[in-house]
N, C-alpha and C. Protein backbone atom coordinates (compact mmCIF):
# COMPACT_ATOMS: atom_id res chain seq x y z
N ILE A 1 81.24 95.88 86.50
CA ILE A 1 81.79 95.97 87.83
C ILE A 1 80.85 95.23 88.77
N ALA A 2 81.44 94.44 89.66
CA ALA A 2 80.64 93.66 90.60
C ALA A 2 81.28 93.70 91.99
N ALA A 3 80.44 93.70 93.00
CA ALA A 3 80.93 93.69 94.38
C ALA A 3 81.21 92.27 94.83
N ASP A 4 82.22 92.14 95.68
CA ASP A 4 82.64 90.84 96.21
C ASP A 4 82.91 91.00 97.71
N CYS A 5 82.35 90.11 98.52
CA CYS A 5 82.63 90.14 99.96
C CYS A 5 83.70 89.11 100.27
N LYS A 6 84.73 89.57 100.94
CA LYS A 6 85.83 88.67 101.27
C LYS A 6 86.28 88.91 102.70
N HIS A 7 86.89 88.12 103.31
CA HIS A 7 87.44 86.79 103.13
C HIS A 7 86.57 85.84 103.96
N TYR A 8 85.81 85.02 103.31
CA TYR A 8 84.78 84.16 103.89
C TYR A 8 85.39 82.84 104.34
N ALA A 9 85.45 82.48 105.52
CA ALA A 9 84.92 83.05 106.75
C ALA A 9 85.88 82.74 107.89
N ALA A 10 85.73 83.46 108.99
CA ALA A 10 86.55 83.34 110.20
C ALA A 10 88.03 83.59 109.90
N TYR A 11 88.28 84.52 109.00
CA TYR A 11 89.65 84.86 108.59
C TYR A 11 90.12 86.03 109.43
N ASP A 12 90.99 85.76 110.38
CA ASP A 12 91.45 86.85 111.24
C ASP A 12 92.90 86.69 111.68
N LEU A 13 93.69 86.01 110.86
CA LEU A 13 95.09 85.79 111.23
C LEU A 13 95.97 85.90 110.01
N GLU A 14 96.96 86.75 110.08
CA GLU A 14 97.95 86.89 109.00
C GLU A 14 99.16 86.00 109.31
N ASP A 15 99.77 86.24 110.46
CA ASP A 15 100.94 85.48 110.89
C ASP A 15 101.10 85.68 112.38
N TRP A 16 100.97 84.61 113.14
CA TRP A 16 101.06 84.73 114.59
C TRP A 16 101.69 83.49 115.18
N ASN A 17 102.74 83.69 115.92
CA ASN A 17 103.36 82.62 116.70
C ASN A 17 103.68 81.39 115.86
N GLY A 18 104.18 81.60 114.65
CA GLY A 18 104.57 80.50 113.78
C GLY A 18 103.46 79.93 112.91
N THR A 19 102.26 80.46 113.00
CA THR A 19 101.16 80.00 112.15
C THR A 19 100.77 81.13 111.21
N ASP A 20 100.72 80.82 109.92
CA ASP A 20 100.33 81.85 108.96
C ASP A 20 98.94 81.55 108.39
N ARG A 21 98.46 82.48 107.59
CA ARG A 21 97.10 82.37 107.06
C ARG A 21 96.89 81.17 106.15
N PHE A 22 97.98 80.63 105.60
CA PHE A 22 97.87 79.49 104.69
C PHE A 22 97.71 78.16 105.44
N HIS A 23 97.96 78.17 106.73
CA HIS A 23 97.89 76.95 107.54
C HIS A 23 96.94 77.08 108.73
N PHE A 24 96.37 78.25 108.93
CA PHE A 24 95.53 78.52 110.09
C PHE A 24 94.20 77.78 110.01
N ASP A 25 93.82 77.16 111.12
CA ASP A 25 92.53 76.49 111.23
C ASP A 25 91.74 77.19 112.33
N ALA A 26 90.75 77.97 111.94
CA ALA A 26 89.92 78.69 112.91
C ALA A 26 88.98 77.70 113.58
N ARG A 27 89.23 77.43 114.84
CA ARG A 27 88.38 76.52 115.61
C ARG A 27 87.36 77.36 116.36
N VAL A 28 86.15 77.37 115.85
CA VAL A 28 85.10 78.20 116.44
C VAL A 28 83.84 77.37 116.64
N SER A 29 83.11 77.69 117.69
CA SER A 29 81.85 76.99 117.94
C SER A 29 80.83 77.41 116.89
N ASP A 30 79.81 76.59 116.71
CA ASP A 30 78.74 76.95 115.77
C ASP A 30 78.11 78.28 116.17
N GLN A 31 77.92 78.47 117.47
CA GLN A 31 77.32 79.71 117.95
C GLN A 31 78.19 80.91 117.60
N ASP A 32 79.50 80.81 117.82
CA ASP A 32 80.40 81.93 117.50
C ASP A 32 80.46 82.18 116.00
N LEU A 33 80.45 81.11 115.23
CA LEU A 33 80.45 81.25 113.77
C LEU A 33 79.21 82.01 113.32
N ILE A 34 78.05 81.59 113.81
CA ILE A 34 76.78 82.19 113.40
C ILE A 34 76.58 83.60 113.96
N GLU A 35 77.01 83.83 115.20
CA GLU A 35 76.76 85.13 115.82
C GLU A 35 77.86 86.16 115.59
N THR A 36 79.09 85.71 115.32
CA THR A 36 80.21 86.64 115.22
C THR A 36 80.78 86.75 113.81
N TYR A 37 81.13 85.62 113.21
CA TYR A 37 81.87 85.64 111.94
C TYR A 37 81.00 85.74 110.69
N LEU A 38 79.80 85.20 110.72
CA LEU A 38 78.98 85.17 109.51
C LEU A 38 78.04 86.36 109.27
N PRO A 39 77.60 87.09 110.29
CA PRO A 39 76.66 88.19 110.05
C PRO A 39 77.10 89.23 109.00
N PRO A 40 78.38 89.62 108.93
CA PRO A 40 78.75 90.57 107.87
C PRO A 40 78.52 90.00 106.47
N PHE A 41 78.74 88.70 106.32
CA PHE A 41 78.54 88.07 105.02
C PHE A 41 77.05 87.89 104.71
N GLU A 42 76.27 87.61 105.73
CA GLU A 42 74.82 87.54 105.55
C GLU A 42 74.30 88.87 105.03
N SER A 43 74.77 89.94 105.61
CA SER A 43 74.37 91.28 105.20
C SER A 43 74.80 91.57 103.76
N CYS A 44 76.03 91.21 103.43
CA CYS A 44 76.53 91.42 102.07
C CYS A 44 75.68 90.68 101.04
N ILE A 45 75.36 89.43 101.36
CA ILE A 45 74.63 88.59 100.41
C ILE A 45 73.16 88.97 100.34
N ARG A 46 72.49 89.04 101.48
CA ARG A 46 71.04 89.31 101.50
C ARG A 46 70.70 90.76 101.20
N ASP A 47 71.39 91.69 101.86
CA ASP A 47 71.03 93.10 101.74
C ASP A 47 71.67 93.78 100.54
N ALA A 48 72.97 93.56 100.36
CA ALA A 48 73.69 94.23 99.28
C ALA A 48 73.61 93.46 97.97
N LYS A 49 73.21 92.19 98.05
CA LYS A 49 73.07 91.34 96.87
C LYS A 49 74.35 91.33 96.03
N VAL A 50 75.47 91.03 96.71
CA VAL A 50 76.76 90.99 96.03
C VAL A 50 76.79 89.95 94.93
N ALA A 51 77.68 90.16 93.98
CA ALA A 51 77.82 89.22 92.87
C ALA A 51 78.58 87.98 93.28
N SER A 52 79.45 88.12 94.30
CA SER A 52 80.26 86.97 94.69
C SER A 52 80.78 87.11 96.12
N ILE A 53 81.28 85.98 96.61
CA ILE A 53 82.02 85.97 97.87
C ILE A 53 83.37 85.33 97.57
N MET A 54 84.37 85.71 98.34
CA MET A 54 85.71 85.15 98.18
C MET A 54 86.03 84.27 99.38
N CYS A 55 86.25 82.99 99.12
CA CYS A 55 86.67 82.11 100.22
C CYS A 55 88.12 82.42 100.58
N SER A 56 88.44 82.21 101.85
CA SER A 56 89.74 82.62 102.36
C SER A 56 90.73 81.46 102.45
N TYR A 57 91.96 81.80 102.81
CA TYR A 57 93.04 80.81 102.92
C TYR A 57 92.84 79.83 104.08
N ASN A 58 92.29 80.31 105.17
CA ASN A 58 92.22 79.50 106.38
C ASN A 58 91.20 78.36 106.27
N ALA A 59 91.31 77.46 107.22
CA ALA A 59 90.30 76.41 107.39
C ALA A 59 89.35 76.85 108.50
N VAL A 60 88.16 76.29 108.50
CA VAL A 60 87.20 76.53 109.57
C VAL A 60 86.83 75.16 110.13
N ASN A 61 87.22 74.95 111.37
CA ASN A 61 86.96 73.68 112.05
C ASN A 61 87.44 72.47 111.26
N GLY A 62 88.68 72.60 110.74
CA GLY A 62 89.33 71.48 110.06
C GLY A 62 89.08 71.37 108.57
N ILE A 63 88.21 72.20 108.01
CA ILE A 63 87.91 72.12 106.58
C ILE A 63 88.30 73.45 105.93
N PRO A 64 89.20 73.42 104.93
CA PRO A 64 89.59 74.67 104.26
C PRO A 64 88.36 75.42 103.74
N SER A 65 88.38 76.72 103.91
CA SER A 65 87.22 77.55 103.52
C SER A 65 86.79 77.31 102.08
N CYS A 66 87.75 77.17 101.18
CA CYS A 66 87.40 77.00 99.77
C CYS A 66 86.91 75.60 99.42
N ALA A 67 86.93 74.69 100.39
CA ALA A 67 86.41 73.33 100.19
C ALA A 67 85.28 73.02 101.17
N ASN A 68 84.84 74.02 101.88
CA ASN A 68 83.89 73.82 102.97
C ASN A 68 82.45 73.94 102.48
N GLN A 69 81.84 72.80 102.19
CA GLN A 69 80.48 72.80 101.65
C GLN A 69 79.47 73.39 102.62
N PHE A 70 79.72 73.25 103.91
CA PHE A 70 78.78 73.80 104.89
C PHE A 70 78.72 75.32 104.78
N ILE A 71 79.86 76.00 104.81
CA ILE A 71 79.81 77.46 104.75
C ILE A 71 79.53 77.98 103.35
N LEU A 72 79.98 77.27 102.32
CA LEU A 72 79.76 77.74 100.95
C LEU A 72 78.36 77.43 100.44
N ASP A 73 77.93 76.20 100.58
CA ASP A 73 76.63 75.79 100.03
C ASP A 73 75.48 75.96 101.03
N THR A 74 75.61 75.32 102.18
CA THR A 74 74.51 75.35 103.15
C THR A 74 74.23 76.76 103.65
N ILE A 75 75.27 77.48 104.05
CA ILE A 75 75.06 78.82 104.60
C ILE A 75 74.91 79.86 103.48
N ALA A 76 75.94 80.05 102.66
CA ALA A 76 75.92 81.14 101.67
C ALA A 76 74.83 80.96 100.62
N ARG A 77 74.75 79.78 100.03
CA ARG A 77 73.79 79.59 98.92
C ARG A 77 72.37 79.30 99.41
N GLU A 78 72.24 78.35 100.33
CA GLU A 78 70.90 77.95 100.75
C GLU A 78 70.28 78.89 101.78
N SER A 79 71.03 79.23 102.82
CA SER A 79 70.46 80.07 103.88
C SER A 79 70.42 81.55 103.51
N TYR A 80 71.52 82.05 102.92
CA TYR A 80 71.59 83.48 102.60
C TYR A 80 71.16 83.77 101.17
N HIS A 81 70.95 82.74 100.37
CA HIS A 81 70.48 82.86 98.98
C HIS A 81 71.47 83.56 98.06
N LEU A 82 72.74 83.19 98.17
CA LEU A 82 73.74 83.70 97.24
C LEU A 82 73.39 83.21 95.85
N ASP A 83 73.18 84.14 94.95
CA ASP A 83 72.82 83.81 93.58
C ASP A 83 74.00 84.02 92.64
N GLY A 84 75.12 84.43 93.20
CA GLY A 84 76.31 84.71 92.40
C GLY A 84 77.29 83.56 92.44
N PHE A 85 78.54 83.91 92.45
CA PHE A 85 79.58 82.89 92.39
C PHE A 85 80.56 83.02 93.54
N VAL A 86 81.37 81.98 93.71
CA VAL A 86 82.41 81.96 94.74
C VAL A 86 83.75 82.04 94.02
N VAL A 87 84.59 82.95 94.47
CA VAL A 87 85.95 83.04 93.95
C VAL A 87 86.91 82.72 95.08
N SER A 88 88.10 82.30 94.72
CA SER A 88 89.09 82.02 95.76
C SER A 88 90.08 83.17 95.83
N ASP A 89 90.66 83.33 97.00
CA ASP A 89 91.76 84.27 97.14
C ASP A 89 92.93 83.70 96.34
N CYS A 90 93.87 84.52 95.98
CA CYS A 90 95.01 84.10 95.15
C CYS A 90 95.74 82.92 95.79
N GLY A 91 95.67 81.77 95.17
CA GLY A 91 96.35 80.59 95.68
C GLY A 91 95.61 79.83 96.77
N ALA A 92 94.41 80.28 97.14
CA ALA A 92 93.69 79.63 98.23
C ALA A 92 93.29 78.19 97.90
N VAL A 93 93.00 77.91 96.65
CA VAL A 93 92.64 76.54 96.28
C VAL A 93 93.86 75.63 96.46
N ALA A 94 95.04 76.12 96.14
CA ALA A 94 96.26 75.33 96.32
C ALA A 94 96.51 74.99 97.78
N THR A 95 96.11 75.87 98.69
CA THR A 95 96.34 75.59 100.12
C THR A 95 95.46 74.45 100.63
N ILE A 96 94.42 74.10 99.91
CA ILE A 96 93.59 72.96 100.31
C ILE A 96 94.46 71.71 100.39
N MET A 97 95.34 71.54 99.40
CA MET A 97 96.23 70.39 99.37
C MET A 97 97.58 70.71 100.03
N ASP A 98 98.20 71.81 99.65
CA ASP A 98 99.57 72.11 100.08
C ASP A 98 99.67 72.62 101.52
N GLY A 99 98.75 73.45 101.93
CA GLY A 99 98.82 74.04 103.26
C GLY A 99 98.08 73.26 104.32
N HIS A 100 96.87 72.85 104.00
CA HIS A 100 96.03 72.16 104.98
C HIS A 100 96.10 70.63 104.88
N HIS A 101 96.64 70.14 103.76
CA HIS A 101 96.74 68.69 103.53
C HIS A 101 95.37 68.02 103.66
N TYR A 102 94.35 68.73 103.19
CA TYR A 102 92.97 68.22 103.25
C TYR A 102 92.72 67.21 102.13
N THR A 103 93.39 67.42 101.00
CA THR A 103 93.33 66.49 99.88
C THR A 103 94.75 66.05 99.55
N SER A 104 94.88 64.97 98.80
CA SER A 104 96.23 64.47 98.49
C SER A 104 96.61 64.62 97.03
N THR A 105 95.64 64.94 96.17
CA THR A 105 95.96 65.13 94.75
C THR A 105 95.29 66.40 94.24
N VAL A 106 95.84 66.91 93.15
CA VAL A 106 95.26 68.10 92.52
C VAL A 106 93.85 67.78 92.04
N GLN A 107 93.64 66.59 91.51
CA GLN A 107 92.33 66.19 91.01
C GLN A 107 91.29 66.20 92.14
N ASP A 108 91.66 65.74 93.32
CA ASP A 108 90.74 65.76 94.45
C ASP A 108 90.47 67.19 94.92
N THR A 109 91.45 68.05 94.74
CA THR A 109 91.32 69.43 95.20
C THR A 109 90.34 70.21 94.35
N VAL A 110 90.42 70.05 93.04
CA VAL A 110 89.53 70.81 92.16
C VAL A 110 88.32 69.98 91.80
């Protein structure tokens, strides 16, 4: 049994005004990201030493969470010292191409 912190990061919309979680792009300042959205994950990773984090469906500042090297590698792995693994929410990797149109082929997505 292993603990997992989800939904990383800035995931706060299910369905609002015609935008759903599969297409939502959380536009947040670096300050808001660091001071508001990331502290719970910092605590999970550093203090609780979770086995994994789950990237979410949404994008953060134009980059899908599951493809976002800044939040996954720079923040979670390098700054917070995540020693575990990253898992995706069900279908979240598919939204990189299908929902956010961040990549154009399956090969580029994975």
